[in-house]
């Protein structure tokens, strides 16, 4: 009888497990690929150790770890302020009301490895061509957080992505080349967009305003940024407010596709 009571889960218990799993998934998704992922894993390990000591009734060590977890809450808020901001933006995003984007939030329920509908190959081919001619460009790729607040600063578009279109937007004599182009799904949805500039002091001085703007939008949202330098022709990939290093354009493409899943 006791065994039957033990396995007698209520519907609220099932919902509790599902909600915790979803919450942990979103936290992991926000910090994945950044330095914060190591802090997140460390917190999970400490929390699991704390619960284990409670389960084994090890009162002294349990009380010590418990006090550390409680006092450390304020420190964690400071450490994860960017990630907390992105999480709240994701929860409050107007995209949640959109059926297509609502389903997109639950992609983890689908089979892993299914690539996004964004034409990453055309984007990279355009970046390579602009790199060879040292044509400055900045592309912002929308993910979960809505970018409506920056789209309104530029010209609204609805153009399907292809290499010639991207090159023509950033052609030096084009009226659209000044500012960023915003990509959502497989469409260019805005051009001449003004981005918030990062005040981060650790950005190397060789990077100009274009790179600081790319860092700024990736700090405030979960968007991805690609920047083609007008001075060197180098292509920079920026995510979570950080420059992501890569060895080849193929590796960059693989990282982009993975981050857009």
Protein backbone atom coordinates (compact mmCIF):
# COMPACT_ATOMS: atom_id res chain seq x y z
CA UNK A 1 0.00 0.00 0.00
CA UNK A 2 2.86 2.39 0.86
CA UNK A 3 4.47 1.61 -2.49
CA UNK A 4 1.25 2.45 -4.32
CA UNK A 5 1.04 5.74 -2.43
CA UNK A 6 4.64 6.48 -3.38
CA UNK A 7 4.01 6.10 -7.10
CA UNK A 8 0.62 7.82 -6.97
CA UNK A 9 1.53 11.07 -8.74
CA UNK A 10 -1.00 13.87 -8.82
CA UNK A 11 -1.49 15.92 -11.95
CA UNK A 12 0.06 18.89 -10.14
CA UNK A 13 3.24 16.84 -9.57
CA UNK A 14 3.50 16.16 -13.30
CA UNK A 15 2.92 19.83 -14.10
CA UNK A 16 5.52 20.78 -11.50
CA UNK A 17 8.15 18.60 -13.20
CA UNK A 18 7.24 19.94 -16.66
CA UNK A 19 7.42 23.59 -15.53
CA UNK A 20 10.79 23.07 -13.85
CA UNK A 21 12.12 21.31 -16.98
CA UNK A 22 10.91 24.15 -19.23
CA UNK A 23 12.36 26.80 -16.89
CA UNK A 24 15.75 25.06 -16.78
CA UNK A 25 15.71 24.68 -20.57
CA UNK A 26 15.12 28.40 -21.11
CA UNK A 27 17.80 29.36 -18.60
CA UNK A 28 20.24 27.01 -20.34
CA UNK A 29 19.25 28.42 -23.74
CA UNK A 30 19.94 31.98 -22.56
CA UNK A 31 23.41 31.23 -21.17
CA UNK A 32 24.46 28.60 -23.73
CA UNK A 33 27.64 29.54 -25.54
CA UNK A 34 28.61 32.25 -23.04
CA UNK A 35 30.86 32.32 -19.99
CA UNK A 36 27.72 32.27 -17.82
CA UNK A 37 27.08 28.63 -18.78
CA UNK A 38 29.89 27.53 -16.42
CA UNK A 39 28.36 29.56 -13.58
CA UNK A 40 24.95 28.06 -14.33
CA UNK A 41 26.33 24.50 -14.23
CA UNK A 42 28.14 25.31 -10.96
CA UNK A 43 24.90 26.57 -9.40
CA UNK A 44 23.04 23.42 -10.46
CA UNK A 45 25.78 21.23 -8.91
CA UNK A 46 25.74 23.19 -5.62
CA UNK A 47 21.93 23.08 -5.51
CA UNK A 48 21.91 19.30 -6.14
CA UNK A 49 24.52 18.82 -3.39
CA UNK A 50 22.40 20.91 -1.02
CA UNK A 51 19.30 18.80 -1.65
CA UNK A 52 21.34 15.60 -1.29
CA UNK A 53 22.61 16.66 2.15
CA UNK A 54 19.04 17.50 3.17
CA UNK A 55 17.86 14.10 1.98
CA UNK A 56 20.63 12.36 3.95
CA UNK A 57 19.80 14.51 7.01
CA UNK A 58 23.34 15.95 7.18
CA UNK A 59 22.21 19.01 9.09
CA UNK A 60 25.49 20.90 9.55
CA UNK A 61 26.67 20.83 5.92
CA UNK A 62 23.09 21.28 4.72
CA UNK A 63 22.64 24.45 6.78
CA UNK A 64 25.99 25.84 5.56
CA UNK A 65 25.22 25.24 1.89
CA UNK A 66 21.66 26.49 2.38
CA UNK A 67 22.92 29.74 3.91
CA UNK A 68 25.34 30.15 1.00
CA UNK A 69 22.52 29.67 -1.52
CA UNK A 70 20.32 32.25 0.21
CA UNK A 71 22.99 34.90 0.72
CA UNK A 72 24.35 34.32 -2.79
CA UNK A 73 21.00 35.16 -4.41
CA UNK A 74 21.81 38.88 -4.63
CA UNK A 75 25.22 38.12 -6.11
CA UNK A 76 23.62 35.84 -8.69
CA UNK A 77 21.22 38.60 -9.75
CA UNK A 78 24.23 40.87 -10.38
CA UNK A 79 26.17 38.18 -12.27
CA UNK A 80 23.19 37.19 -14.42
CA UNK A 81 21.68 40.65 -14.95
CA UNK A 82 22.01 40.44 -18.75
CA UNK A 83 20.53 36.92 -18.85
CA UNK A 84 17.68 37.90 -16.49
CA UNK A 85 16.92 40.88 -18.74
CA UNK A 86 16.79 38.63 -21.80
CA UNK A 87 14.58 36.12 -19.99
CA UNK A 88 12.08 38.82 -19.00
CA UNK A 89 12.15 40.20 -22.55
CA UNK A 90 11.42 36.72 -23.88
CA UNK A 91 8.50 36.23 -21.48
CA UNK A 92 7.04 39.68 -22.18
CA UNK A 93 7.79 39.64 -25.88
CA UNK A 94 4.90 40.47 -28.19
CA UNK A 95 6.07 37.55 -30.32
CA UNK A 96 4.47 35.24 -27.77
CA UNK A 97 1.10 36.31 -29.10
CA UNK A 98 2.08 35.22 -32.57
CA UNK A 99 1.21 31.59 -33.22
CA UNK A 100 4.26 30.94 -35.40
CA UNK A 101 6.66 32.36 -32.84
CA UNK A 102 4.84 30.72 -29.94
CA UNK A 103 5.48 27.32 -31.52
CA UNK A 104 9.06 28.41 -32.16
CA UNK A 105 9.54 28.83 -28.38
CA UNK A 106 8.91 25.12 -27.94
CA UNK A 107 11.25 23.80 -30.62
CA UNK A 108 12.94 21.61 -28.02
CA UNK A 109 9.88 19.34 -28.19
CA UNK A 110 10.82 18.58 -31.81
CA UNK A 111 13.66 16.46 -33.07
CA UNK A 112 17.06 18.11 -32.60
CA UNK A 113 19.03 18.94 -35.70
CA UNK A 114 16.18 20.33 -37.78
CA UNK A 115 17.64 23.47 -39.30
CA UNK A 116 16.00 26.86 -39.18
CA UNK A 117 14.24 28.27 -42.25
CA UNK A 118 16.70 31.18 -42.39
CA UNK A 119 18.87 30.94 -45.51
CA UNK A 120 22.19 31.03 -43.66
CA UNK A 121 24.18 30.03 -46.75
CA UNK A 122 22.98 33.06 -48.74
CA UNK A 123 23.74 35.35 -45.81
CA UNK A 124 27.30 34.05 -45.51
CA UNK A 125 27.91 34.18 -49.28
CA UNK A 126 26.82 37.83 -49.26
CA UNK A 127 29.08 38.52 -46.26
CA UNK A 128 32.01 36.83 -48.02
CA UNK A 129 31.47 38.93 -51.15
CA UNK A 130 31.20 42.14 -49.12
CA UNK A 131 34.29 41.09 -47.16
CA UNK A 132 36.30 40.76 -50.38
CA UNK A 133 35.34 44.31 -51.42
CA UNK A 134 35.56 45.71 -47.86
CA UNK A 135 31.95 46.78 -47.93
CA UNK A 136 30.79 47.60 -44.41
CA UNK A 137 27.65 45.80 -43.28
CA UNK A 138 25.75 44.86 -40.13
CA UNK A 139 23.08 42.16 -40.02
CA UNK A 140 20.91 41.46 -36.98
CA UNK A 141 19.10 38.11 -36.89
CA UNK A 142 16.03 37.94 -34.68
CA UNK A 143 15.51 34.90 -32.46
CA UNK A 144 13.02 34.78 -29.55
CA UNK A 145 13.08 38.39 -28.37
CA UNK A 146 11.01 40.82 -30.42
CA UNK A 147 13.04 43.48 -32.25
CA UNK A 148 10.05 45.72 -32.98
CA UNK A 149 11.56 48.48 -30.85
CA UNK A 150 14.49 48.82 -33.29
CA UNK A 151 12.64 48.00 -36.51
CA UNK A 152 10.63 51.18 -36.04
CA UNK A 153 13.84 53.26 -36.23
CA UNK A 154 14.43 52.22 -39.86
CA UNK A 155 12.53 51.35 -43.01
CA UNK A 156 10.15 48.39 -42.84
CA UNK A 157 10.74 45.71 -45.47
CA UNK A 158 9.46 42.26 -46.34
CA UNK A 159 12.05 40.85 -48.73
CA UNK A 160 13.00 37.18 -48.94
CA UNK A 161 16.69 36.63 -48.28
CA UNK A 162 19.04 36.13 -51.20
CA UNK A 163 22.66 37.04 -51.84
CA UNK A 164 22.18 39.84 -54.44
CA UNK A 165 19.59 41.63 -52.29
CA UNK A 166 21.87 41.68 -49.25
CA UNK A 167 24.78 42.96 -51.32
CA UNK A 168 22.66 45.68 -52.92
CA UNK A 169 21.42 46.91 -49.51
CA UNK A 170 24.95 47.58 -48.28
CA UNK A 171 26.38 48.83 -51.59
CA UNK A 172 28.10 52.12 -50.74
CA UNK A 173 25.91 54.18 -53.09
CA UNK A 174 22.68 52.58 -51.90
CA UNK A 175 20.28 54.73 -49.89
CA UNK A 176 19.73 51.75 -47.57
CA UNK A 177 23.34 50.97 -46.64
CA UNK A 178 23.53 53.26 -43.60
CA UNK A 179 22.49 51.36 -40.46
CA UNK A 180 21.65 47.72 -39.81
CA UNK A 181 19.44 45.26 -41.64
CA UNK A 182 17.17 43.10 -39.49
CA UNK A 183 16.39 39.51 -40.48
CA UNK A 184 13.45 37.53 -39.12
CA UNK A 185 12.91 33.99 -40.35
CA UNK A 186 13.90 34.06 -44.01
CA UNK A 187 12.99 37.70 -44.61
CA UNK A 188 14.73 41.05 -44.36
CA UNK A 189 12.16 42.95 -42.31
CA UNK A 190 13.92 46.30 -41.82
CA UNK A 191 16.87 48.33 -43.14
CA UNK A 192 18.64 51.53 -42.04
CA UNK A 193 17.94 50.47 -38.45
CA UNK A 194 19.57 52.36 -35.58
CA UNK A 195 20.96 50.05 -32.89
CA UNK A 196 21.75 50.75 -29.23
CA UNK A 197 25.50 51.19 -28.77
CA UNK A 198 27.31 49.17 -26.11
CA UNK A 199 29.23 51.00 -23.39
CA UNK A 200 31.36 47.92 -22.66
CA UNK A 201 34.95 49.06 -22.05
CA UNK A 202 36.47 45.67 -22.88
CA UNK A 203 35.74 45.98 -26.61
CA UNK A 204 39.10 46.41 -28.39
CA UNK A 205 39.74 49.91 -29.73
CA UNK A 206 40.20 48.56 -33.28
CA UNK A 207 36.44 47.97 -33.43
CA UNK A 208 34.36 50.99 -34.34
CA UNK A 209 30.78 52.14 -33.88
CA UNK A 210 29.38 49.44 -36.15
CA UNK A 211 30.78 46.68 -33.94
CA UNK A 212 29.69 48.45 -30.75
CA UNK A 213 26.16 48.65 -32.10
CA UNK A 214 26.20 44.92 -32.89
CA UNK A 215 27.39 44.18 -29.36
CA UNK A 216 24.76 46.52 -27.92
CA UNK A 217 21.77 44.77 -29.51
CA UNK A 218 23.11 41.34 -28.53
CA UNK A 219 23.45 42.55 -24.91
CA UNK A 220 19.85 43.73 -24.72
CA UNK A 221 18.25 40.85 -26.64
CA UNK A 222 19.09 37.31 -27.75
CA UNK A 223 19.60 38.47 -31.36
CA UNK A 224 22.66 37.38 -33.36
CA UNK A 225 24.82 39.92 -35.19
CA UNK A 226 27.11 39.67 -38.20
CA UNK A 227 29.42 42.58 -38.98
CA UNK A 228 31.60 43.08 -42.05
CA UNK A 229 34.40 45.53 -41.32
CA UNK A 230 34.81 48.37 -43.80
CA UNK A 231 38.49 48.75 -42.82
CA UNK A 232 39.69 45.12 -42.78
CA UNK A 233 36.92 43.14 -44.46
CA UNK A 234 36.80 40.75 -41.50
CA UNK A 235 33.46 39.14 -40.63
CA UNK A 236 32.60 39.26 -36.92
CA UNK A 237 30.01 37.05 -35.25
CA UNK A 238 28.52 38.50 -32.06
CA UNK A 239 26.25 36.71 -29.59
CA UNK A 240 25.31 37.50 -25.98
CA UNK A 241 27.42 40.66 -26.11
CA UNK A 242 30.58 38.75 -27.01
CA UNK A 243 32.64 38.15 -30.13
CA UNK A 244 32.47 34.46 -31.10
CA UNK A 245 35.67 33.12 -32.66
CA UNK A 246 35.63 30.71 -35.60
CA UNK A 247 38.25 29.11 -37.85
CA UNK A 248 36.45 29.06 -41.21
CA UNK A 249 33.31 30.30 -42.93
CA UNK A 250 32.02 26.72 -42.81
CA UNK A 251 32.37 26.64 -39.03
CA UNK A 252 30.65 30.03 -38.80
CA UNK A 253 27.76 28.66 -40.86
CA UNK A 254 27.44 25.62 -38.60
CA UNK A 255 27.43 27.82 -35.48
CA UNK A 256 24.78 30.11 -36.97
CA UNK A 257 22.53 27.21 -37.90
CA UNK A 258 22.92 25.68 -34.45
CA UNK A 259 22.14 28.98 -32.70
CA UNK A 260 19.03 29.47 -34.83
CA UNK A 261 17.55 26.06 -33.95
